């Protein structure tokens, strides 16, 4: 079989069935991205005020005692000017006096939670999760195949063809091609990162890789947040401490087991894409620093792995990136709709018999 006809068959037929799944994923992605943007625009009536290490230590100690179930304390930044105490599925916003501004729980928003799980696994638990992952991977491959097929017969871009002039299949196909070319790279990245989020074992090891050299760090006072945060800040004096979080353990801690490790996350360069990417891990009960890792010190594989989730859901990325991938999802919904309509017309719709 000739390669080009085979690729056309793959792009059309496999693309038709994958488009049904991808249309659900992209539509829900538009909703989730829009919700994220609205959340980021809500400053809770607060203005950003830098906090001293002493204030951050007091906030950390108070919130972990007040809310035993929380896992993360985030300090105000110019992007989010209020304090956050977060647990899995819930978030509490507070002012600098630790008065509660709002409490949001994932379970309290049935529409959002339904859309989220529809996006994640089509409401089909593990089967839907893995089906979604492979559909995303196939969607990325179909995108690349489409670009290749266009390249073989390319005649340049036609901006005026991006918006269809009528509902005829020829006009919809031209729009599908033009818009698809514009978003091909970001759409491929969204598809690939969606696949990798499900199969974490392919990249988590690279992200957790550390420099080979062993360095000794100063000892802090045991069970003393001020001493420990100050020691960490002294290591990176020009960086901004943005959060303190309990490191996740795959196995539940039992009485008598080792104390949990806390990750102190820093912003070294506030103008780069990925924020809170530098981390110091510390044993709070002992006051010992376990590891120190800047994003810039990671190997290339670790740097790439650090972007897997942020590139997909804009975690710790600027507002502009959320707007960008949400716009890509909108355009993706449009071109998938055009392709479904034209493919159905040309393949399944019966043509009227000539008299």
C-alpha atoms as a PDB file:
ATOM      1  CA  UNK A   1       0.000   0.000   0.000  1.00  0.00           C
ATOM      2  CA  UNK A   2       1.241   3.459  -0.894  1.00  0.00           C
ATOM      3  CA  UNK A   3       2.216   5.489   2.193  1.00  0.00           C
ATOM      4  CA  UNK A   4       0.250   8.633   1.332  1.00  0.00           C
ATOM      5  CA  UNK A   5      -3.127   6.893   0.729  1.00  0.00           C
ATOM      6  CA  UNK A   6      -2.577   4.937   3.945  1.00  0.00           C
ATOM      7  CA  UNK A   7      -1.930   8.139   5.871  1.00  0.00           C
ATOM      8  CA  UNK A   8      -5.019   9.735   4.333  1.00  0.00           C
ATOM      9  CA  UNK A   9      -7.111   6.736   5.407  1.00  0.00           C
ATOM     10  CA  UNK A  10      -5.626   6.913   8.899  1.00  0.00           C
ATOM     11  CA  UNK A  11      -6.186  10.670   9.154  1.00  0.00           C
ATOM     12  CA  UNK A  12      -9.787  10.419   7.920  1.00  0.00           C
ATOM     13  CA  UNK A  13     -11.128   7.212   9.454  1.00  0.00           C
ATOM     14  CA  UNK A  14      -9.179   6.970  12.705  1.00  0.00           C
ATOM     15  CA  UNK A  15      -9.420  10.731  13.002  1.00  0.00           C
ATOM     16  CA  UNK A  16     -13.206  10.567  12.681  1.00  0.00           C
ATOM     17  CA  UNK A  17     -13.636   8.260  15.681  1.00  0.00           C
ATOM     18  CA  UNK A  18     -10.923   9.931  17.752  1.00  0.00           C
ATOM     19  CA  UNK A  19     -12.531  13.300  17.005  1.00  0.00           C
ATOM     20  CA  UNK A  20     -15.613  12.255  18.955  1.00  0.00           C
ATOM     21  CA  UNK A  21     -13.501  11.732  22.080  1.00  0.00           C
ATOM     22  CA  UNK A  22     -11.292  14.759  21.453  1.00  0.00           C
ATOM     23  CA  UNK A  23     -14.312  17.015  21.007  1.00  0.00           C
ATOM     24  CA  UNK A  24     -15.449  16.100  24.521  1.00  0.00           C
ATOM     25  CA  UNK A  25     -11.957  16.653  25.919  1.00  0.00           C
ATOM     26  CA  UNK A  26     -11.475  20.022  24.208  1.00  0.00           C
ATOM     27  CA  UNK A  27     -14.963  21.298  25.053  1.00  0.00           C
ATOM     28  CA  UNK A  28     -14.508  20.468  28.726  1.00  0.00           C
ATOM     29  CA  UNK A  29     -11.001  21.920  28.503  1.00  0.00           C
ATOM     30  CA  UNK A  30     -12.489  25.241  27.410  1.00  0.00           C
ATOM     31  CA  UNK A  31     -14.747  25.222  30.473  1.00  0.00           C
ATOM     32  CA  UNK A  32     -11.914  24.314  32.849  1.00  0.00           C
ATOM     33  CA  UNK A  33      -9.581  26.903  31.331  1.00  0.00           C
ATOM     34  CA  UNK A  34     -12.239  29.620  31.555  1.00  0.00           C
ATOM     35  CA  UNK A  35     -12.883  28.704  35.193  1.00  0.00           C
ATOM     36  CA  UNK A  36      -9.150  28.906  35.918  1.00  0.00           C
ATOM     37  CA  UNK A  37      -8.926  32.366  34.355  1.00  0.00           C
ATOM     38  CA  UNK A  38     -11.882  33.638  36.371  1.00  0.00           C
ATOM     39  CA  UNK A  39     -10.301  32.261  39.527  1.00  0.00           C
ATOM     40  CA  UNK A  40      -6.999  33.988  38.784  1.00  0.00           C
ATOM     41  CA  UNK A  41      -8.740  37.305  38.160  1.00  0.00           C
ATOM     42  CA  UNK A  42     -10.384  37.148  41.602  1.00  0.00           C
ATOM     43  CA  UNK A  43      -8.003  38.833  44.060  1.00  0.00           C
ATOM     44  CA  UNK A  44     -10.440  38.445  46.996  1.00  0.00           C
ATOM     45  CA  UNK A  45     -10.218  42.194  47.542  1.00  0.00           C
ATOM     46  CA  UNK A  46      -6.572  41.935  48.610  1.00  0.00           C
ATOM     47  CA  UNK A  47      -3.506  43.891  47.567  1.00  0.00           C
ATOM     48  CA  UNK A  48      -0.114  42.241  47.411  1.00  0.00           C
ATOM     49  CA  UNK A  49       2.117  42.944  50.393  1.00  0.00           C
ATOM     50  CA  UNK A  50       5.490  41.186  50.731  1.00  0.00           C
ATOM     51  CA  UNK A  51       5.860  39.174  53.929  1.00  0.00           C
ATOM     52  CA  UNK A  52       9.006  38.746  56.012  1.00  0.00           C
ATOM     53  CA  UNK A  53      10.398  35.309  56.807  1.00  0.00           C
ATOM     54  CA  UNK A  54       9.214  35.760  60.382  1.00  0.00           C
ATOM     55  CA  UNK A  55       5.653  36.410  59.165  1.00  0.00           C
ATOM     56  CA  UNK A  56       5.769  33.424  56.808  1.00  0.00           C
ATOM     57  CA  UNK A  57       7.001  31.181  59.626  1.00  0.00           C
ATOM     58  CA  UNK A  58       4.184  32.330  61.920  1.00  0.00           C
ATOM     59  CA  UNK A  59       1.600  31.811  59.167  1.00  0.00           C
ATOM     60  CA  UNK A  60       2.938  28.320  58.423  1.00  0.00           C
ATOM     61  CA  UNK A  61       2.880  27.248  62.061  1.00  0.00           C
ATOM     62  CA  UNK A  62      -0.575  28.695  62.713  1.00  0.00           C
ATOM     63  CA  UNK A  63      -2.254  27.238  59.634  1.00  0.00           C
ATOM     64  CA  UNK A  64      -0.827  23.735  59.997  1.00  0.00           C
ATOM     65  CA  UNK A  65      -2.069  23.742  63.603  1.00  0.00           C
ATOM     66  CA  UNK A  66      -5.472  25.268  62.771  1.00  0.00           C
ATOM     67  CA  UNK A  67      -6.147  23.008  59.795  1.00  0.00           C
ATOM     68  CA  UNK A  68      -4.542  19.593  60.483  1.00  0.00           C
ATOM     69  CA  UNK A  69      -5.740  18.164  57.164  1.00  0.00           C
ATOM     70  CA  UNK A  70      -4.117  20.757  54.888  1.00  0.00           C
ATOM     71  CA  UNK A  71      -1.010  19.836  52.933  1.00  0.00           C
ATOM     72  CA  UNK A  72       0.111  23.188  51.500  1.00  0.00           C
ATOM     73  CA  UNK A  73       0.431  26.794  52.658  1.00  0.00           C
ATOM     74  CA  UNK A  74       0.913  29.348  49.876  1.00  0.00           C
ATOM     75  CA  UNK A  75       2.061  32.878  50.611  1.00  0.00           C
ATOM     76  CA  UNK A  76       0.852  35.989  48.788  1.00  0.00           C
ATOM     77  CA  UNK A  77       2.494  36.834  45.478  1.00  0.00           C
ATOM     78  CA  UNK A  78       1.872  39.596  42.961  1.00  0.00           C
ATOM     79  CA  UNK A  79      -0.173  37.058  40.974  1.00  0.00           C
ATOM     80  CA  UNK A  80      -2.244  35.765  43.925  1.00  0.00           C
ATOM     81  CA  UNK A  81      -2.247  38.450  46.643  1.00  0.00           C
ATOM     82  CA  UNK A  82      -3.726  36.338  49.451  1.00  0.00           C
ATOM     83  CA  UNK A  83      -2.731  33.357  51.580  1.00  0.00           C
ATOM     84  CA  UNK A  84      -3.969  29.882  50.667  1.00  0.00           C
ATOM     85  CA  UNK A  85      -4.276  26.770  52.799  1.00  0.00           C
ATOM     86  CA  UNK A  86      -4.886  23.777  50.546  1.00  0.00           C
ATOM     87  CA  UNK A  87      -5.790  20.148  50.990  1.00  0.00           C
ATOM     88  CA  UNK A  88      -6.721  17.600  48.371  1.00  0.00           C
ATOM     89  CA  UNK A  89     -10.011  18.821  46.909  1.00  0.00           C
ATOM     90  CA  UNK A  90     -10.338  21.990  49.000  1.00  0.00           C
ATOM     91  CA  UNK A  91      -8.809  25.439  49.286  1.00  0.00           C
ATOM     92  CA  UNK A  92      -9.082  28.154  51.944  1.00  0.00           C
ATOM     93  CA  UNK A  93      -8.205  31.758  51.103  1.00  0.00           C
ATOM     94  CA  UNK A  94      -7.088  34.043  53.943  1.00  0.00           C
ATOM     95  CA  UNK A  95      -5.863  37.605  54.402  1.00  0.00           C
ATOM     96  CA  UNK A  96      -2.583  38.464  56.117  1.00  0.00           C
ATOM     97  CA  UNK A  97      -4.362  38.517  59.490  1.00  0.00           C
ATOM     98  CA  UNK A  98      -5.457  34.923  58.791  1.00  0.00           C
ATOM     99  CA  UNK A  99      -9.130  35.783  58.515  1.00  0.00           C
ATOM    100  CA  UNK A 100     -10.928  33.428  56.126  1.00  0.00           C
ATOM    101  CA  UNK A 101     -11.926  35.091  52.860  1.00  0.00           C
ATOM    102  CA  UNK A 102     -13.449  32.040  51.183  1.00  0.00           C
ATOM    103  CA  UNK A 103     -13.602  28.257  51.416  1.00  0.00           C
ATOM    104  CA  UNK A 104     -13.962  26.224  48.249  1.00  0.00           C
ATOM    105  CA  UNK A 105     -14.361  22.477  48.001  1.00  0.00           C
ATOM    106  CA  UNK A 106     -14.228  20.426  44.841  1.00  0.00           C
ATOM    107  CA  UNK A 107     -17.238  18.405  45.973  1.00  0.00           C
ATOM    108  CA  UNK A 108     -19.323  21.556  46.522  1.00  0.00           C
ATOM    109  CA  UNK A 109     -19.281  22.384  42.804  1.00  0.00           C
ATOM    110  CA  UNK A 110     -21.107  19.511  41.066  1.00  0.00           C
ATOM    111  CA  UNK A 111     -20.951  21.149  37.638  1.00  0.00           C
ATOM    112  CA  UNK A 112     -17.204  21.773  37.830  1.00  0.00           C
ATOM    113  CA  UNK A 113     -16.442  18.335  39.270  1.00  0.00           C
ATOM    114  CA  UNK A 114     -18.586  16.615  36.615  1.00  0.00           C
ATOM    115  CA  UNK A 115     -16.875  18.544  33.801  1.00  0.00           C
ATOM    116  CA  UNK A 116     -13.460  17.821  35.323  1.00  0.00           C
ATOM    117  CA  UNK A 117     -14.029  14.066  35.447  1.00  0.00           C
ATOM    118  CA  UNK A 118     -15.625  14.138  32.002  1.00  0.00           C
ATOM    119  CA  UNK A 119     -12.410  15.751  30.790  1.00  0.00           C
ATOM    120  CA  UNK A 120     -10.240  13.311  32.731  1.00  0.00           C
ATOM    121  CA  UNK A 121     -11.922   9.951  32.197  1.00  0.00           C
ATOM    122  CA  UNK A 122     -15.308  10.441  30.464  1.00  0.00           C
ATOM    123  CA  UNK A 123     -16.924   9.507  33.834  1.00  0.00           C
ATOM    124  CA  UNK A 124     -15.737   5.930  33.270  1.00  0.00           C
ATOM    125  CA  UNK A 125     -13.129   5.612  36.057  1.00  0.00           C
ATOM    126  CA  UNK A 126      -9.892   3.810  35.129  1.00  0.00           C
ATOM    127  CA  UNK A 127     -11.149   2.515  31.787  1.00  0.00           C
ATOM    128  CA  UNK A 128     -12.046   6.040  30.723  1.00  0.00           C
ATOM    129  CA  UNK A 129      -8.751   7.416  32.006  1.00  0.00           C
ATOM    130  CA  UNK A 130      -6.636   5.049  29.933  1.00  0.00           C
ATOM    131  CA  UNK A 131      -8.929   5.319  26.912  1.00  0.00           C
ATOM    132  CA  UNK A 132      -8.578   9.095  27.152  1.00  0.00           C
ATOM    133  CA  UNK A 133      -4.795   8.815  27.333  1.00  0.00           C
ATOM    134  CA  UNK A 134      -4.514   6.693  24.187  1.00  0.00           C
ATOM    135  CA  UNK A 135      -7.098   8.790  22.373  1.00  0.00           C
ATOM    136  CA  UNK A 136      -4.972  11.838  23.188  1.00  0.00           C
ATOM    137  CA  UNK A 137      -1.839  10.158  21.876  1.00  0.00           C
ATOM    138  CA  UNK A 138      -3.629   9.151  18.666  1.00  0.00           C
ATOM    139  CA  UNK A 139      -4.984  12.691  18.411  1.00  0.00           C
ATOM    140  CA  UNK A 140      -1.434  14.031  18.522  1.00  0.00           C
ATOM    141  CA  UNK A 141      -0.303  11.572  15.834  1.00  0.00           C
ATOM    142  CA  UNK A 142      -3.285  12.459  13.641  1.00  0.00           C
ATOM    143  CA  UNK A 143      -2.349  16.134  14.002  1.00  0.00           C
ATOM    144  CA  UNK A 144       1.192  15.451  12.776  1.00  0.00           C
ATOM    145  CA  UNK A 145      -0.122  13.316   9.914  1.00  0.00           C
ATOM    146  CA  UNK A 146      -2.405  16.167   8.870  1.00  0.00           C
ATOM    147  CA  UNK A 147       0.532  18.593   8.817  1.00  0.00           C
ATOM    148  CA  UNK A 148       2.551  16.125   6.727  1.00  0.00           C
ATOM    149  CA  UNK A 149      -0.279  15.659   4.211  1.00  0.00           C
ATOM    150  CA  UNK A 150      -0.633  19.426   3.886  1.00  0.00           C
ATOM    151  CA  UNK A 151       3.138  19.808   3.422  1.00  0.00           C
ATOM    152  CA  UNK A 152       3.124  17.467   0.424  1.00  0.00           C
ATOM    153  CA  UNK A 153       0.656  19.627  -1.493  1.00  0.00           C
ATOM    154  CA  UNK A 154       1.251  22.955   0.254  1.00  0.00           C
ATOM    155  CA  UNK A 155       0.406  26.144  -1.565  1.00  0.00           C
ATOM    156  CA  UNK A 156       1.084  28.526   1.296  1.00  0.00           C
ATOM    157  CA  UNK A 157      -1.225  29.949   3.908  1.00  0.00           C
ATOM    158  CA  UNK A 158      -4.555  31.454   2.926  1.00  0.00           C
ATOM    159  CA  UNK A 159      -5.706  33.560   5.841  1.00  0.00           C
ATOM    160  CA  UNK A 160      -9.026  34.350   4.179  1.00  0.00           C
ATOM    161  CA  UNK A 161      -9.814  30.619   4.115  1.00  0.00           C
ATOM    162  CA  UNK A 162      -9.572  30.337   7.920  1.00  0.00           C
ATOM    163  CA  UNK A 163     -13.179  31.474   8.297  1.00  0.00           C
ATOM    164  CA  UNK A 164     -15.613  29.510   6.116  1.00  0.00           C
ATOM    165  CA  UNK A 165     -17.671  31.639   3.753  1.00  0.00           C
ATOM    166  CA  UNK A 166     -20.552  29.131   3.680  1.00  0.00           C
ATOM    167  CA  UNK A 167     -21.570  25.729   4.994  1.00  0.00           C
ATOM    168  CA  UNK A 168     -20.384  23.775   1.961  1.00  0.00           C
ATOM    169  CA  UNK A 169     -17.972  20.948   2.675  1.00  0.00           C
ATOM    170  CA  UNK A 170     -15.229  22.488   0.521  1.00  0.00           C
ATOM    171  CA  UNK A 171     -15.292  25.684   2.577  1.00  0.00           C
ATOM    172  CA  UNK A 172     -15.324  23.785   5.879  1.00  0.00           C
ATOM    173  CA  UNK A 173     -12.381  21.615   4.784  1.00  0.00           C
ATOM    174  CA  UNK A 174     -10.288  24.658   3.833  1.00  0.00           C
ATOM    175  CA  UNK A 175     -11.028  26.230   7.194  1.00  0.00           C
ATOM    176  CA  UNK A 176     -10.177  22.947   8.939  1.00  0.00           C
ATOM    177  CA  UNK A 177      -6.789  22.857   7.196  1.00  0.00           C
ATOM    178  CA  UNK A 178      -5.872  26.488   7.832  1.00  0.00           C
ATOM    179  CA  UNK A 179      -6.949  26.591  11.473  1.00  0.00           C
ATOM    180  CA  UNK A 180      -5.391  23.175  12.058  1.00  0.00           C
ATOM    181  CA  UNK A 181      -2.026  24.442  10.819  1.00  0.00           C
ATOM    182  CA  UNK A 182      -2.152  27.403  13.195  1.00  0.00           C
ATOM    183  CA  UNK A 183      -2.726  25.277  16.292  1.00  0.00           C
ATOM    184  CA  UNK A 184      -0.942  22.069  15.231  1.00  0.00           C
ATOM    185  CA  UNK A 185       2.070  22.461  17.530  1.00  0.00           C
ATOM    186  CA  UNK A 186       0.236  23.506  20.738  1.00  0.00           C
ATOM    187  CA  UNK A 187      -2.496  20.931  20.053  1.00  0.00           C
ATOM    188  CA  UNK A 188       0.133  18.208  19.696  1.00  0.00           C
ATOM    189  CA  UNK A 189       1.734  19.318  22.985  1.00  0.00           C
ATOM    190  CA  UNK A 190      -1.633  19.232  24.756  1.00  0.00           C
ATOM    191  CA  UNK A 191      -2.311  15.734  23.409  1.00  0.00           C
ATOM    192  CA  UNK A 192       1.118  14.374  24.318  1.00  0.00           C
ATOM    193  CA  UNK A 193       1.150  15.935  27.799  1.00  0.00           C
ATOM    194  CA  UNK A 194      -2.356  14.573  28.421  1.00  0.00           C
ATOM    195  CA  UNK A 195      -1.080  11.084  27.634  1.00  0.00           C
ATOM    196  CA  UNK A 196       1.966  11.516  29.875  1.00  0.00           C
ATOM    197  CA  UNK A 197      -0.102  12.762  32.816  1.00  0.00           C
ATOM    198  CA  UNK A 198      -1.817   9.376  32.896  1.00  0.00           C
ATOM    199  CA  UNK A 199       1.428   7.436  32.481  1.00  0.00           C
ATOM    200  CA  UNK A 200       3.480   9.247  35.118  1.00  0.00           C
ATOM    201  CA  UNK A 201       6.075   6.505  35.374  1.00  0.00           C
ATOM    202  CA  UNK A 202       7.454   7.614  31.988  1.00  0.00           C
ATOM    203  CA  UNK A 203       8.674  10.961  33.327  1.00  0.00           C
ATOM    204  CA  UNK A 204       8.447  11.288  37.135  1.00  0.00           C
ATOM    205  CA  UNK A 205      11.850   9.690  37.613  1.00  0.00           C
ATOM    206  CA  UNK A 206      13.480  12.275  35.369  1.00  0.00           C
ATOM    207  CA  UNK A 207      11.799  15.143  37.228  1.00  0.00           C
ATOM    208  CA  UNK A 208      13.039  13.890  40.590  1.00  0.00           C
ATOM    209  CA  UNK A 209      16.622  13.492  39.405  1.00  0.00           C
ATOM    210  CA  UNK A 210      19.171  15.444  41.446  1.00  0.00           C
ATOM    211  CA  UNK A 211      22.723  16.676  40.878  1.00  0.00           C
ATOM    212  CA  UNK A 212      25.332  14.008  41.557  1.00  0.00           C
ATOM    213  CA  UNK A 213      27.401  16.184  43.908  1.00  0.00           C
ATOM    214  CA  UNK A 214      26.638  15.944  47.624  1.00  0.00           C
ATOM    215  CA  UNK A 215      26.582  19.224  49.548  1.00  0.00           C
ATOM    216  CA  UNK A 216      26.269  19.692  53.308  1.00  0.00           C
ATOM    217  CA  UNK A 217      23.828  22.362  54.493  1.00  0.00           C
ATOM    218  CA  UNK A 218      23.549  24.204  57.779  1.00  0.00           C
ATOM    219  CA  UNK A 219      21.445  22.712  60.565  1.00  0.00           C
ATOM    220  CA  UNK A 220      18.282  24.505  61.708  1.00  0.00           C
ATOM    221  CA  UNK A 221      16.482  24.281  65.021  1.00  0.00           C
ATOM    222  CA  UNK A 222      14.196  21.268  65.278  1.00  0.00           C
ATOM    223  CA  UNK A 223      10.438  21.981  65.080  1.00  0.00           C
ATOM    224  CA  UNK A 224      11.144  25.677  64.553  1.00  0.00           C
ATOM    225  CA  UNK A 225       9.620  27.107  61.365  1.00  0.00           C
ATOM    226  CA  UNK A 226      11.307  30.484  61.678  1.00  0.00           C
ATOM    227  CA  UNK A 227      14.757  28.940  61.976  1.00  0.00           C
ATOM    228  CA  UNK A 228      14.159  26.531  59.118  1.00  0.00           C
ATOM    229  CA  UNK A 229      12.602  29.030  56.711  1.00  0.00           C
ATOM    230  CA  UNK A 230      15.395  31.509  57.450  1.00  0.00           C
ATOM    231  CA  UNK A 231      18.047  28.854  56.796  1.00  0.00           C
ATOM    232  CA  UNK A 232      16.402  27.974  53.498  1.00  0.00           C
ATOM    233  CA  UNK A 233      16.097  31.634  52.502  1.00  0.00           C
ATOM    234  CA  UNK A 234      19.796  32.164  53.279  1.00  0.00           C
ATOM    235  CA  UNK A 235      20.674  29.478  50.732  1.00  0.00           C
ATOM    236  CA  UNK A 236      18.838  31.417  47.997  1.00  0.00           C
ATOM    237  CA  UNK A 237      18.769  35.016  49.305  1.00  0.00           C
ATOM    238  CA  UNK A 238      17.504  36.462  46.024  1.00  0.00           C
ATOM    239  CA  UNK A 239      14.625  33.990  45.639  1.00  0.00           C
ATOM    240  CA  UNK A 240      11.071  34.390  46.898  1.00  0.00           C
ATOM    241  CA  UNK A 241       9.661  31.687  49.175  1.00  0.00           C
ATOM    242  CA  UNK A 242       6.146  31.055  47.855  1.00  0.00           C
ATOM    243  CA  UNK A 243       4.888  27.906  49.596  1.00  0.00           C
ATOM    244  CA  UNK A 244       5.464  25.205  52.190  1.00  0.00           C
ATOM    245  CA  UNK A 245       3.994  21.787  51.403  1.00  0.00           C
ATOM    246  CA  UNK A 246       4.065  18.315  52.903  1.00  0.00           C
ATOM    247  CA  UNK A 247       5.816  15.972  50.525  1.00  0.00           C
ATOM    248  CA  UNK A 248       3.446  13.277  49.296  1.00  0.00           C
ATOM    249  CA  UNK A 249       4.132   9.742  50.417  1.00  0.00           C
ATOM    250  CA  UNK A 250       2.946   6.789  48.358  1.00  0.00           C
ATOM    251  CA  UNK A 251       2.301   4.823  51.529  1.00  0.00           C
ATOM    252  CA  UNK A 252       0.351   6.173  54.537  1.00  0.00           C
ATOM    253  CA  UNK A 253       2.462   7.129  57.510  1.00  0.00           C
ATOM    254  CA  UNK A 254       2.096   4.947  60.597  1.00  0.00           C
ATOM    255  CA  UNK A 255       2.871   5.893  64.209  1.00  0.00           C
ATOM    256  CA  UNK A 256       6.601   5.657  64.853  1.00  0.00           C
ATOM    257  CA  UNK A 257       7.572   6.029  61.200  1.00  0.00           C
ATOM    258  CA  UNK A 258       9.860   8.744  59.879  1.00  0.00           C
ATOM    259  CA  UNK A 259       8.548  12.297  60.059  1.00  0.00           C
ATOM    260  CA  UNK A 260       7.108  13.741  56.841  1.00  0.00           C
ATOM    261  CA  UNK A 261       9.324  15.906  54.681  1.00  0.00           C
ATOM    262  CA  UNK A 262       8.238  19.439  53.768  1.00  0.00           C
ATOM    263  CA  UNK A 263       8.986  21.009  50.402  1.00  0.00           C
ATOM    264  CA  UNK A 264       9.772  24.728  50.419  1.00  0.00           C
ATOM    265  CA  UNK A 265       9.149  26.135  46.944  1.00  0.00           C
ATOM    266  CA  UNK A 266      10.811  29.282  45.649  1.00  0.00           C
ATOM    267  CA  UNK A 267      10.535  31.651  42.698  1.00  0.00           C
ATOM    268  CA  UNK A 268      14.009  32.549  41.521  1.00  0.00           C
ATOM    269  CA  UNK A 269      12.979  34.402  38.364  1.00  0.00           C
ATOM    270  CA  UNK A 270       9.450  35.783  38.467  1.00  0.00           C
ATOM    271  CA  UNK A 271       9.473  36.569  34.751  1.00  0.00           C
ATOM    272  CA  UNK A 272       9.948  32.997  33.509  1.00  0.00           C
ATOM    273  CA  UNK A 273       7.111  30.694  32.504  1.00  0.00           C
ATOM    274  CA  UNK A 274       7.338  28.035  35.182  1.00  0.00           C
ATOM    275  CA  UNK A 275       6.909  29.438  38.690  1.00  0.00           C
ATOM    276  CA  UNK A 276       7.643  27.839  42.061  1.00  0.00           C
ATOM    277  CA  UNK A 277      10.063  25.500  40.279  1.00  0.00           C
ATOM    278  CA  UNK A 278      12.925  25.618  42.810  1.00  0.00           C
ATOM    279  CA  UNK A 279      12.637  23.412  45.879  1.00  0.00           C
ATOM    280  CA  UNK A 280      14.310  22.818  49.237  1.00  0.00           C
ATOM    281  CA  UNK A 281      13.185  19.722  51.154  1.00  0.00           C
ATOM    282  CA  UNK A 282      13.479  19.765  54.925  1.00  0.00           C
ATOM    283  CA  UNK A 283      12.753  17.452  57.851  1.00  0.00           C
ATOM    284  CA  UNK A 284      10.816  19.717  60.210  1.00  0.00           C
ATOM    285  CA  UNK A 285      11.179  17.540  63.291  1.00  0.00           C
ATOM    286  CA  UNK A 286      14.953  17.348  62.935  1.00  0.00           C
ATOM    287  CA  UNK A 287      15.655  20.666  61.259  1.00  0.00           C
ATOM    288  CA  UNK A 288      17.814  19.036  58.599  1.00  0.00           C
ATOM    289  CA  UNK A 289      17.767  19.892  54.908  1.00  0.00           C
ATOM    290  CA  UNK A 290      17.268  16.777  52.796  1.00  0.00           C
ATOM    291  CA  UNK A 291      17.797  18.227  49.325  1.00  0.00           C
ATOM    292  CA  UNK A 292      18.189  21.486  47.426  1.00  0.00           C
ATOM    293  CA  UNK A 293      17.259  21.633  43.752  1.00  0.00           C
ATOM    294  CA  UNK A 294      16.875  24.542  41.364  1.00  0.00           C
ATOM    295  CA  UNK A 295      15.071  24.063  38.089  1.00  0.00           C
ATOM    296  CA  UNK A 296      18.129  25.430  36.280  1.00  0.00           C
ATOM    297  CA  UNK A 297      20.285  22.696  37.872  1.00  0.00           C
ATOM    298  CA  UNK A 298      18.166  19.822  36.583  1.00  0.00           C
ATOM    299  CA  UNK A 299      19.403  17.763  33.634  1.00  0.00           C
ATOM    300  CA  UNK A 300      17.619  18.401  30.340  1.00  0.00           C
ATOM    301  CA  UNK A 301      15.357  15.390  30.890  1.00  0.00           C
ATOM    302  CA  UNK A 302      14.346  16.761  34.287  1.00  0.00           C
ATOM    303  CA  UNK A 303      13.613  20.215  32.880  1.00  0.00           C
ATOM    304  CA  UNK A 304      11.409  18.739  30.167  1.00  0.00           C
ATOM    305  CA  UNK A 305       9.614  16.496  32.679  1.00  0.00           C
ATOM    306  CA  UNK A 306       8.908  19.517  34.895  1.00  0.00           C
ATOM    307  CA  UNK A 307       6.810  21.000  32.105  1.00  0.00           C
ATOM    308  CA  UNK A 308       4.599  17.940  31.443  1.00  0.00           C
ATOM    309  CA  UNK A 309       1.727  18.980  33.683  1.00  0.00           C
ATOM    310  CA  UNK A 310       2.180  22.798  33.463  1.00  0.00           C
ATOM    311  CA  UNK A 311       1.991  22.689  29.668  1.00  0.00           C
ATOM    312  CA  UNK A 312      -1.280  20.766  29.886  1.00  0.00           C
ATOM    313  CA  UNK A 313      -3.209  22.514  32.670  1.00  0.00           C
ATOM    314  CA  UNK A 314      -1.131  25.706  33.174  1.00  0.00           C
ATOM    315  CA  UNK A 315      -0.151  24.807  36.764  1.00  0.00           C
ATOM    316  CA  UNK A 316       2.270  27.524  37.970  1.00  0.00           C
ATOM    317  CA  UNK A 317       2.160  29.142  34.537  1.00  0.00           C
ATOM    318  CA  UNK A 318       1.250  32.770  33.741  1.00  0.00           C
ATOM    319  CA  UNK A 319      -2.314  33.908  33.043  1.00  0.00           C
ATOM    320  CA  UNK A 320      -1.423  34.463  29.395  1.00  0.00           C
ATOM    321  CA  UNK A 321      -0.644  30.788  28.947  1.00  0.00           C
ATOM    322  CA  UNK A 322      -4.053  29.779  30.346  1.00  0.00           C
ATOM    323  CA  UNK A 323      -5.662  32.128  27.836  1.00  0.00           C
ATOM    324  CA  UNK A 324      -3.509  30.681  25.050  1.00  0.00           C
ATOM    325  CA  UNK A 325      -4.309  26.983  25.619  1.00  0.00           C
ATOM    326  CA  UNK A 326      -7.992  27.784  26.205  1.00  0.00           C
ATOM    327  CA  UNK A 327      -8.038  29.586  22.847  1.00  0.00           C
ATOM    328  CA  UNK A 328      -6.323  26.603  21.228  1.00  0.00           C
ATOM    329  CA  UNK A 329      -9.052  24.371  22.677  1.00  0.00           C
ATOM    330  CA  UNK A 330     -11.753  26.646  21.257  1.00  0.00           C
ATOM    331  CA  UNK A 331     -10.194  26.506  17.787  1.00  0.00           C
ATOM    332  CA  UNK A 332      -9.738  22.756  18.187  1.00  0.00           C
ATOM    333  CA  UNK A 333     -13.465  22.368  18.878  1.00  0.00           C
ATOM    334  CA  UNK A 334     -14.249  24.333  15.720  1.00  0.00           C
ATOM    335  CA  UNK A 335     -11.993  22.354  13.379  1.00  0.00           C
ATOM    336  CA  UNK A 336     -13.109  19.014  14.845  1.00  0.00           C
ATOM    337  CA  UNK A 337     -16.726  19.992  14.288  1.00  0.00           C
ATOM    338  CA  UNK A 338     -15.947  20.918  10.681  1.00  0.00           C
ATOM    339  CA  UNK A 339     -14.141  17.619  10.110  1.00  0.00           C
ATOM    340  CA  UNK A 340     -16.971  15.552  11.603  1.00  0.00           C
ATOM    341  CA  UNK A 341     -19.572  17.311   9.470  1.00  0.00           C
ATOM    342  CA  UNK A 342     -17.634  17.009   6.203  1.00  0.00           C
ATOM    343  CA  UNK A 343     -16.579  13.397   6.824  1.00  0.00           C
ATOM    344  CA  UNK A 344     -20.160  12.399   7.590  1.00  0.00           C
ATOM    345  CA  UNK A 345     -21.442  14.143   4.489  1.00  0.00           C
ATOM    346  CA  UNK A 346     -18.883  12.534   2.195  1.00  0.00           C
ATOM    347  CA  UNK A 347     -18.931   9.057   3.728  1.00  0.00           C
ATOM    348  CA  UNK A 348     -22.287   8.254   5.264  1.00  0.00           C
ATOM    349  CA  UNK A 349     -24.835  10.625   3.803  1.00  0.00           C
ATOM    350  CA  UNK A 350     -26.607   9.074   0.858  1.00  0.00           C
ATOM    351  CA  UNK A 351     -26.448  11.026  -2.351  1.00  0.00           C
ATOM    352  CA  UNK A 352     -29.781  11.579  -4.132  1.00  0.00           C
ATOM    353  CA  UNK A 353     -30.315   9.320  -7.144  1.00  0.00           C
ATOM    354  CA  UNK A 354     -30.295  10.976 -10.508  1.00  0.00           C
ATOM    355  CA  UNK A 355     -33.489  10.522 -12.527  1.00  0.00           C
END
